[in-house]
Amino acid sequence: MRLARQLPAKTLVVFGRAVGRPDEAVTVTTLDKAGEVEADMATLVIVGSPETRMITRDGKQPLVYTPRVAAKVTA
């Protein structure tokens, strides 16, 4: 996988299959394990950055986000 050459192995990857349909399935994994997840034409794949984080929640899908920082402005 070419991305593995550019990003850390623990970079988060989200696979969303059939999003919005009754058979929707979301899988959150890491880049080093992403090759083990099945994906087809109905799958949306989102590759995070090294800064992407995950919040686990009991009984619910995890939340995945990438923090944003304000740029420093110099005069």
N, C-alpha and C. Protein backbone atom coordinates (compact mmCIF):
# COMPACT_ATOMS: atom_id res chain seq x y z
N MET A 1 0.84 -1.17 0.00
CA MET A 1 0.00 0.00 0.00
C MET A 1 0.89 1.24 0.00
N ARG A 2 0.69 2.10 -0.95
CA ARG A 2 1.55 3.28 -1.09
C ARG A 2 1.43 4.26 0.06
N LEU A 3 0.23 4.39 0.62
CA LEU A 3 0.06 5.32 1.74
C LEU A 3 0.93 4.93 2.93
N ALA A 4 1.17 3.65 3.09
CA ALA A 4 1.98 3.16 4.22
C ALA A 4 3.41 3.69 4.14
N ARG A 5 3.83 4.08 2.97
CA ARG A 5 5.18 4.66 2.83
C ARG A 5 5.22 6.12 3.29
N GLN A 6 4.04 6.75 3.33
CA GLN A 6 3.97 8.18 3.64
C GLN A 6 3.42 8.48 5.03
N LEU A 7 2.61 7.57 5.57
CA LEU A 7 1.94 7.83 6.84
C LEU A 7 2.32 6.78 7.88
N PRO A 8 2.23 7.13 9.16
CA PRO A 8 2.51 6.15 10.21
C PRO A 8 1.51 4.99 10.17
N ALA A 9 1.96 3.82 10.58
CA ALA A 9 1.13 2.61 10.55
C ALA A 9 -0.14 2.75 11.38
N LYS A 10 -0.11 3.55 12.42
CA LYS A 10 -1.27 3.70 13.31
C LYS A 10 -2.22 4.81 12.88
N THR A 11 -2.04 5.35 11.67
CA THR A 11 -2.97 6.34 11.14
C THR A 11 -4.35 5.71 11.02
N LEU A 12 -5.38 6.41 11.49
CA LEU A 12 -6.74 5.87 11.45
C LEU A 12 -7.32 5.90 10.04
N VAL A 13 -8.08 4.83 9.72
CA VAL A 13 -8.77 4.71 8.43
C VAL A 13 -10.20 4.30 8.73
N VAL A 14 -11.16 4.99 8.11
CA VAL A 14 -12.58 4.68 8.29
C VAL A 14 -13.12 4.12 6.98
N PHE A 15 -13.79 2.97 7.08
CA PHE A 15 -14.48 2.36 5.95
C PHE A 15 -15.97 2.47 6.23
N GLY A 16 -16.69 3.18 5.39
CA GLY A 16 -18.14 3.30 5.53
C GLY A 16 -18.80 2.65 4.34
N ARG A 17 -19.47 1.52 4.56
CA ARG A 17 -20.10 0.80 3.46
C ARG A 17 -21.61 1.02 3.50
N ALA A 18 -22.19 1.32 2.35
CA ALA A 18 -23.62 1.52 2.19
C ALA A 18 -24.14 2.60 3.16
N VAL A 19 -23.41 3.68 3.26
CA VAL A 19 -23.75 4.76 4.21
C VAL A 19 -25.15 5.30 3.89
N GLY A 20 -25.98 5.36 4.96
CA GLY A 20 -27.34 5.87 4.82
C GLY A 20 -28.36 4.82 4.42
N ARG A 21 -27.92 3.60 4.17
CA ARG A 21 -28.84 2.52 3.81
C ARG A 21 -29.02 1.59 5.01
N PRO A 22 -30.04 0.75 4.98
CA PRO A 22 -30.29 -0.15 6.10
C PRO A 22 -29.12 -1.09 6.41
N ASP A 23 -28.33 -1.43 5.40
CA ASP A 23 -27.20 -2.35 5.60
C ASP A 23 -25.88 -1.61 5.83
N GLU A 24 -25.97 -0.35 6.29
CA GLU A 24 -24.78 0.45 6.56
C GLU A 24 -23.85 -0.26 7.55
N ALA A 25 -22.56 -0.18 7.27
CA ALA A 25 -21.55 -0.74 8.17
C ALA A 25 -20.35 0.20 8.19
N VAL A 26 -19.87 0.53 9.39
CA VAL A 26 -18.71 1.41 9.54
C VAL A 26 -17.64 0.65 10.30
N THR A 27 -16.43 0.66 9.74
CA THR A 27 -15.29 0.01 10.38
C THR A 27 -14.19 1.04 10.53
N VAL A 28 -13.65 1.14 11.74
CA VAL A 28 -12.51 2.03 12.00
C VAL A 28 -11.32 1.13 12.31
N THR A 29 -10.24 1.35 11.59
CA THR A 29 -9.04 0.53 11.77
C THR A 29 -7.82 1.42 11.61
N THR A 30 -6.66 0.82 11.58
CA THR A 30 -5.42 1.57 11.36
C THR A 30 -4.87 1.22 9.98
N LEU A 31 -4.00 2.07 9.49
CA LEU A 31 -3.45 1.90 8.15
C LEU A 31 -2.76 0.55 7.99
N ASP A 32 -2.06 0.09 9.03
CA ASP A 32 -1.36 -1.19 8.91
C ASP A 32 -2.32 -2.39 8.84
N LYS A 33 -3.57 -2.20 9.21
CA LYS A 33 -4.56 -3.28 9.15
C LYS A 33 -5.63 -3.04 8.08
N ALA A 34 -5.55 -1.93 7.37
CA ALA A 34 -6.58 -1.56 6.40
C ALA A 34 -6.70 -2.57 5.26
N GLY A 35 -5.64 -3.24 4.90
CA GLY A 35 -5.69 -4.23 3.83
C GLY A 35 -6.53 -5.44 4.17
N GLU A 36 -6.84 -5.62 5.44
CA GLU A 36 -7.66 -6.76 5.88
C GLU A 36 -9.16 -6.48 5.78
N VAL A 37 -9.53 -5.21 5.54
CA VAL A 37 -10.94 -4.83 5.48
C VAL A 37 -11.42 -4.91 4.03
N GLU A 38 -12.59 -5.56 3.85
CA GLU A 38 -13.16 -5.66 2.52
C GLU A 38 -13.79 -4.33 2.12
N ALA A 39 -13.56 -3.91 0.90
CA ALA A 39 -14.15 -2.68 0.38
C ALA A 39 -14.61 -2.94 -1.05
N ASP A 40 -15.78 -2.39 -1.39
CA ASP A 40 -16.28 -2.53 -2.75
C ASP A 40 -16.73 -1.15 -3.24
N MET A 41 -17.45 -1.12 -4.34
CA MET A 41 -17.86 0.16 -4.93
C MET A 41 -18.83 0.94 -4.05
N ALA A 42 -19.41 0.30 -3.03
CA ALA A 42 -20.34 0.98 -2.13
C ALA A 42 -19.64 1.46 -0.86
N THR A 43 -18.30 1.41 -0.86
CA THR A 43 -17.54 1.74 0.34
C THR A 43 -16.83 3.08 0.18
N LEU A 44 -17.04 3.94 1.18
CA LEU A 44 -16.33 5.20 1.28
C LEU A 44 -15.14 4.97 2.19
N VAL A 45 -13.94 5.32 1.75
CA VAL A 45 -12.73 5.13 2.55
C VAL A 45 -12.18 6.51 2.90
N ILE A 46 -12.01 6.75 4.20
CA ILE A 46 -11.45 8.02 4.66
C ILE A 46 -10.15 7.72 5.39
N VAL A 47 -9.05 8.26 4.90
CA VAL A 47 -7.75 8.07 5.52
C VAL A 47 -7.43 9.32 6.32
N GLY A 48 -7.19 9.14 7.60
CA GLY A 48 -6.88 10.26 8.47
C GLY A 48 -5.46 10.76 8.27
N SER A 49 -5.11 11.74 9.07
CA SER A 49 -3.75 12.25 9.09
C SER A 49 -3.08 11.68 10.34
N PRO A 50 -1.79 11.91 10.51
CA PRO A 50 -1.15 11.45 11.74
C PRO A 50 -1.76 12.08 13.00
N GLU A 51 -2.50 13.17 12.85
CA GLU A 51 -3.13 13.84 13.99
C GLU A 51 -4.55 13.35 14.28
N THR A 52 -5.10 12.50 13.43
CA THR A 52 -6.48 12.01 13.60
C THR A 52 -6.60 11.20 14.88
N ARG A 53 -7.71 11.40 15.60
CA ARG A 53 -7.94 10.76 16.89
C ARG A 53 -9.27 10.02 16.88
N MET A 54 -9.43 9.10 17.84
CA MET A 54 -10.67 8.36 17.98
C MET A 54 -11.14 8.40 19.43
N ILE A 55 -12.45 8.60 19.60
CA ILE A 55 -13.06 8.55 20.92
C ILE A 55 -13.97 7.32 20.93
N THR A 56 -13.67 6.34 21.79
CA THR A 56 -14.52 5.16 21.90
C THR A 56 -15.72 5.49 22.79
N ARG A 57 -16.87 4.86 22.47
CA ARG A 57 -18.10 5.10 23.23
C ARG A 57 -18.79 3.77 23.46
N ASP A 58 -19.17 3.51 24.69
CA ASP A 58 -19.84 2.26 25.03
C ASP A 58 -21.14 2.10 24.25
N GLY A 59 -21.25 0.99 23.52
CA GLY A 59 -22.47 0.67 22.79
C GLY A 59 -22.74 1.50 21.57
N LYS A 60 -21.81 2.35 21.17
CA LYS A 60 -21.99 3.21 20.00
C LYS A 60 -20.74 3.16 19.13
N GLN A 61 -20.90 3.61 17.89
CA GLN A 61 -19.75 3.72 16.99
C GLN A 61 -18.77 4.75 17.58
N PRO A 62 -17.47 4.55 17.37
CA PRO A 62 -16.51 5.56 17.85
C PRO A 62 -16.64 6.85 17.05
N LEU A 63 -16.19 7.93 17.63
CA LEU A 63 -16.10 9.20 16.93
C LEU A 63 -14.67 9.36 16.45
N VAL A 64 -14.50 9.73 15.21
CA VAL A 64 -13.17 9.93 14.63
C VAL A 64 -13.09 11.39 14.17
N TYR A 65 -12.01 12.06 14.56
CA TYR A 65 -11.87 13.46 14.20
C TYR A 65 -10.40 13.80 14.02
N THR A 66 -10.16 14.88 13.28
CA THR A 66 -8.82 15.43 13.13
C THR A 66 -8.84 16.85 13.69
N PRO A 67 -8.09 17.10 14.76
CA PRO A 67 -8.11 18.45 15.35
C PRO A 67 -7.55 19.49 14.37
N ARG A 68 -8.11 20.64 14.46
CA ARG A 68 -7.64 21.78 13.64
C ARG A 68 -7.00 22.79 14.58
N VAL A 69 -5.98 23.44 14.11
CA VAL A 69 -5.34 24.48 14.90
C VAL A 69 -5.36 25.78 14.11
N ALA A 70 -5.48 26.85 14.82
CA ALA A 70 -5.45 28.16 14.17
C ALA A 70 -4.01 28.49 13.78
N ALA A 71 -3.85 29.01 12.62
CA ALA A 71 -2.53 29.38 12.15
C ALA A 71 -2.07 30.62 12.91
N LYS A 72 -0.78 30.67 13.20
CA LYS A 72 -0.23 31.88 13.84
C LYS A 72 -0.11 32.98 12.80
N VAL A 73 -0.56 34.13 13.19
CA VAL A 73 -0.48 35.28 12.29
C VAL A 73 0.64 36.17 12.79
N THR A 74 1.56 36.47 11.90
CA THR A 74 2.65 37.38 12.25
C THR A 74 2.49 38.66 11.46
N ALA A 75 2.74 39.76 12.11
CA ALA A 75 2.57 41.06 11.44
C ALA A 75 3.90 41.53 10.88
